[in-house]
Amino acid sequence: MSKRNRKKWSDHKFKHRAGWSDKHHLRPKSRGGSDRRYNQITLDAYRHDAWHLLFGNHTYDEIIEILQRLKQKKENQF
């Protein structure tokens, strides 16, 4: 890892949010989800940020469907 990339990573907001908790909406509010308890889980802030960095505002079901399609495409290549 280059010195520049190490600096960029160390300045990332993940480092500054470690130890904090966030509510994660299972169905995002921007997509019609509510603030009710059944639609939220508590994640530490590091994992919450990582989720959105990797998956954006996709729901769990959408992520599973995407991963299954990718697996199927890979299997069909051979």
N, C-alpha and C. Protein backbone atom coordinates (compact mmCIF):
# COMPACT_ATOMS: atom_id res chain seq x y z
N MET A 1 0.85 -1.17 0.00
CA MET A 1 0.00 0.00 0.00
C MET A 1 0.90 1.24 0.00
N SER A 2 0.58 2.16 -0.87
CA SER A 2 1.42 3.35 -0.95
C SER A 2 1.20 4.26 0.25
N LYS A 3 2.16 5.12 0.47
CA LYS A 3 2.07 6.07 1.59
C LYS A 3 0.82 6.93 1.45
N ARG A 4 0.54 7.34 0.21
CA ARG A 4 -0.65 8.18 -0.04
C ARG A 4 -1.93 7.43 0.33
N ASN A 5 -2.05 6.15 -0.08
CA ASN A 5 -3.24 5.37 0.24
C ASN A 5 -3.38 5.12 1.74
N ARG A 6 -2.25 4.87 2.42
CA ARG A 6 -2.31 4.70 3.88
C ARG A 6 -2.84 5.95 4.54
N LYS A 7 -2.38 7.11 4.11
CA LYS A 7 -2.84 8.38 4.68
C LYS A 7 -4.34 8.54 4.43
N LYS A 8 -4.77 8.28 3.20
CA LYS A 8 -6.18 8.42 2.85
C LYS A 8 -7.02 7.49 3.72
N TRP A 9 -6.58 6.22 3.89
CA TRP A 9 -7.33 5.26 4.70
C TRP A 9 -7.38 5.69 6.16
N SER A 10 -6.28 6.18 6.69
CA SER A 10 -6.26 6.56 8.10
C SER A 10 -7.14 7.77 8.38
N ASP A 11 -7.35 8.59 7.38
CA ASP A 11 -8.22 9.76 7.55
C ASP A 11 -9.68 9.45 7.31
N HIS A 12 -9.98 8.23 6.89
CA HIS A 12 -11.35 7.87 6.56
C HIS A 12 -12.24 7.97 7.79
N LYS A 13 -13.50 8.26 7.56
CA LYS A 13 -14.43 8.44 8.68
C LYS A 13 -14.59 7.18 9.53
N PHE A 14 -14.28 5.98 8.98
CA PHE A 14 -14.38 4.77 9.79
C PHE A 14 -13.59 4.92 11.08
N LYS A 15 -12.38 5.39 10.97
CA LYS A 15 -11.49 5.52 12.12
C LYS A 15 -12.11 6.41 13.19
N HIS A 16 -12.73 7.47 12.77
CA HIS A 16 -13.27 8.44 13.72
C HIS A 16 -14.58 8.00 14.35
N ARG A 17 -15.25 7.00 13.75
CA ARG A 17 -16.55 6.60 14.26
C ARG A 17 -16.50 5.32 15.07
N ALA A 18 -15.34 4.69 15.16
CA ALA A 18 -15.23 3.43 15.89
C ALA A 18 -15.73 3.59 17.32
N GLY A 19 -16.50 2.63 17.78
CA GLY A 19 -17.02 2.68 19.14
C GLY A 19 -18.43 3.24 19.23
N TRP A 20 -18.94 3.82 18.17
CA TRP A 20 -20.29 4.37 18.16
C TRP A 20 -21.25 3.37 17.54
N SER A 21 -22.54 3.47 17.87
CA SER A 21 -23.57 2.61 17.29
C SER A 21 -24.51 3.43 16.43
N ASP A 22 -25.06 2.79 15.42
CA ASP A 22 -26.04 3.42 14.53
C ASP A 22 -27.21 2.48 14.33
N LYS A 23 -28.36 3.05 14.03
CA LYS A 23 -29.51 2.27 13.62
C LYS A 23 -29.44 2.12 12.11
N HIS A 24 -29.53 0.88 11.64
CA HIS A 24 -29.54 0.61 10.21
C HIS A 24 -30.95 0.21 9.82
N HIS A 25 -31.50 0.86 8.82
CA HIS A 25 -32.84 0.54 8.34
C HIS A 25 -32.77 -0.64 7.37
N LEU A 26 -33.54 -1.68 7.64
CA LEU A 26 -33.56 -2.85 6.76
C LEU A 26 -34.13 -2.47 5.40
N ARG A 27 -35.19 -1.70 5.41
CA ARG A 27 -35.70 -1.08 4.17
C ARG A 27 -35.42 0.42 4.33
N PRO A 28 -34.56 0.97 3.49
CA PRO A 28 -34.15 2.37 3.66
C PRO A 28 -35.33 3.34 3.67
N LYS A 29 -35.23 4.35 4.49
CA LYS A 29 -36.27 5.37 4.55
C LYS A 29 -36.46 6.03 3.20
N SER A 30 -35.37 6.17 2.44
CA SER A 30 -35.45 6.80 1.12
C SER A 30 -36.25 5.94 0.13
N ARG A 31 -36.51 4.68 0.52
CA ARG A 31 -37.26 3.77 -0.33
C ARG A 31 -38.55 3.32 0.35
N GLY A 32 -39.07 4.16 1.23
CA GLY A 32 -40.35 3.88 1.86
C GLY A 32 -40.30 3.17 3.19
N GLY A 33 -39.12 2.91 3.72
CA GLY A 33 -38.99 2.25 5.01
C GLY A 33 -39.38 3.18 6.15
N SER A 34 -39.73 2.60 7.28
CA SER A 34 -40.17 3.38 8.44
C SER A 34 -39.11 3.37 9.53
N ASP A 35 -39.37 4.15 10.58
CA ASP A 35 -38.50 4.18 11.75
C ASP A 35 -38.93 3.17 12.81
N ARG A 36 -39.87 2.31 12.49
CA ARG A 36 -40.35 1.33 13.47
C ARG A 36 -39.26 0.31 13.78
N ARG A 37 -39.36 -0.26 14.97
CA ARG A 37 -38.31 -1.19 15.45
C ARG A 37 -38.09 -2.38 14.52
N TYR A 38 -39.19 -2.90 13.91
CA TYR A 38 -39.04 -4.07 13.06
C TYR A 38 -38.22 -3.77 11.80
N ASN A 39 -38.03 -2.51 11.48
CA ASN A 39 -37.28 -2.11 10.29
C ASN A 39 -35.87 -1.64 10.62
N GLN A 40 -35.42 -1.83 11.84
CA GLN A 40 -34.10 -1.35 12.23
C GLN A 40 -33.30 -2.43 12.96
N ILE A 41 -32.00 -2.38 12.75
CA ILE A 41 -31.07 -3.16 13.56
C ILE A 41 -29.98 -2.20 14.01
N THR A 42 -29.33 -2.53 15.11
CA THR A 42 -28.24 -1.70 15.60
C THR A 42 -26.92 -2.31 15.15
N LEU A 43 -26.11 -1.49 14.51
CA LEU A 43 -24.77 -1.89 14.08
C LEU A 43 -23.78 -0.90 14.65
N ASP A 44 -22.56 -1.38 14.90
CA ASP A 44 -21.57 -0.38 15.27
C ASP A 44 -21.32 0.49 14.03
N ALA A 45 -20.92 1.71 14.26
CA ALA A 45 -20.82 2.69 13.18
C ALA A 45 -19.86 2.24 12.08
N TYR A 46 -18.80 1.54 12.45
CA TYR A 46 -17.84 1.04 11.47
C TYR A 46 -18.53 0.10 10.48
N ARG A 47 -19.29 -0.86 10.99
CA ARG A 47 -19.98 -1.82 10.12
C ARG A 47 -21.10 -1.15 9.34
N HIS A 48 -21.78 -0.20 9.94
CA HIS A 48 -22.84 0.51 9.24
C HIS A 48 -22.27 1.27 8.04
N ASP A 49 -21.18 1.97 8.24
CA ASP A 49 -20.54 2.68 7.13
C ASP A 49 -20.05 1.70 6.07
N ALA A 50 -19.47 0.57 6.51
CA ALA A 50 -18.97 -0.42 5.56
C ALA A 50 -20.12 -1.00 4.73
N TRP A 51 -21.25 -1.27 5.37
CA TRP A 51 -22.42 -1.78 4.64
C TRP A 51 -22.78 -0.84 3.50
N HIS A 52 -22.92 0.45 3.80
CA HIS A 52 -23.33 1.41 2.78
C HIS A 52 -22.24 1.62 1.74
N LEU A 53 -21.00 1.52 2.13
CA LEU A 53 -19.90 1.62 1.18
C LEU A 53 -19.96 0.46 0.18
N LEU A 54 -20.23 -0.74 0.67
CA LEU A 54 -20.27 -1.91 -0.20
C LEU A 54 -21.59 -2.08 -0.95
N PHE A 55 -22.71 -1.84 -0.27
CA PHE A 55 -24.01 -2.20 -0.83
C PHE A 55 -24.96 -1.04 -1.08
N GLY A 56 -24.56 0.17 -0.76
CA GLY A 56 -25.44 1.31 -0.98
C GLY A 56 -26.72 1.18 -0.17
N ASN A 57 -27.85 1.42 -0.81
CA ASN A 57 -29.14 1.35 -0.12
C ASN A 57 -29.93 0.10 -0.50
N HIS A 58 -29.23 -0.95 -0.93
CA HIS A 58 -29.92 -2.21 -1.25
C HIS A 58 -30.38 -2.88 0.03
N THR A 59 -31.51 -3.60 -0.07
CA THR A 59 -32.00 -4.38 1.06
C THR A 59 -31.26 -5.70 1.10
N TYR A 60 -31.41 -6.43 2.21
CA TYR A 60 -30.77 -7.74 2.34
C TYR A 60 -31.22 -8.68 1.22
N ASP A 61 -32.52 -8.69 0.94
CA ASP A 61 -33.04 -9.57 -0.11
C ASP A 61 -32.44 -9.23 -1.47
N GLU A 62 -32.27 -7.96 -1.76
CA GLU A 62 -31.68 -7.55 -3.03
C GLU A 62 -30.21 -7.98 -3.11
N ILE A 63 -29.49 -7.87 -2.02
CA ILE A 63 -28.08 -8.28 -1.99
C ILE A 63 -27.98 -9.79 -2.23
N ILE A 64 -28.84 -10.56 -1.57
CA ILE A 64 -28.83 -12.01 -1.75
C ILE A 64 -29.12 -12.36 -3.21
N GLU A 65 -30.10 -11.70 -3.80
CA GLU A 65 -30.45 -11.96 -5.20
C GLU A 65 -29.28 -11.63 -6.14
N ILE A 66 -28.62 -10.51 -5.91
CA ILE A 66 -27.47 -10.12 -6.72
C ILE A 66 -26.35 -11.15 -6.60
N LEU A 67 -26.05 -11.57 -5.37
CA LEU A 67 -24.99 -12.55 -5.16
C LEU A 67 -25.33 -13.90 -5.79
N GLN A 68 -26.59 -14.30 -5.73
CA GLN A 68 -27.00 -15.56 -6.35
C GLN A 68 -26.85 -15.50 -7.87
N ARG A 69 -27.22 -14.34 -8.47
CA ARG A 69 -27.06 -14.18 -9.92
C ARG A 69 -25.59 -14.22 -10.31
N LEU A 70 -24.73 -13.58 -9.52
CA LEU A 70 -23.30 -13.61 -9.80
C LEU A 70 -22.74 -15.02 -9.71
N LYS A 71 -23.16 -15.76 -8.70
CA LYS A 71 -22.71 -17.14 -8.54
C LYS A 71 -23.15 -17.99 -9.74
N GLN A 72 -24.40 -17.81 -10.15
CA GLN A 72 -24.92 -18.58 -11.28
C GLN A 72 -24.14 -18.25 -12.57
N LYS A 73 -23.84 -16.97 -12.80
CA LYS A 73 -23.07 -16.58 -13.98
C LYS A 73 -21.68 -17.22 -13.95
N LYS A 74 -21.06 -17.21 -12.79
CA LYS A 74 -19.74 -17.81 -12.67
C LYS A 74 -19.78 -19.30 -12.94
N GLU A 75 -20.78 -19.98 -12.42
CA GLU A 75 -20.91 -21.42 -12.63
C GLU A 75 -21.18 -21.75 -14.11
N ASN A 76 -21.89 -20.88 -14.80
CA ASN A 76 -22.21 -21.11 -16.21
C ASN A 76 -21.03 -20.82 -17.13
N GLN A 77 -19.99 -20.20 -16.63
CA GLN A 77 -18.82 -19.91 -17.45
C GLN A 77 -17.98 -21.15 -17.69
N PHE A 78 -18.12 -22.15 -16.86
CA PHE A 78 -17.28 -23.34 -16.98
C PHE A 78 -18.04 -24.51 -17.55
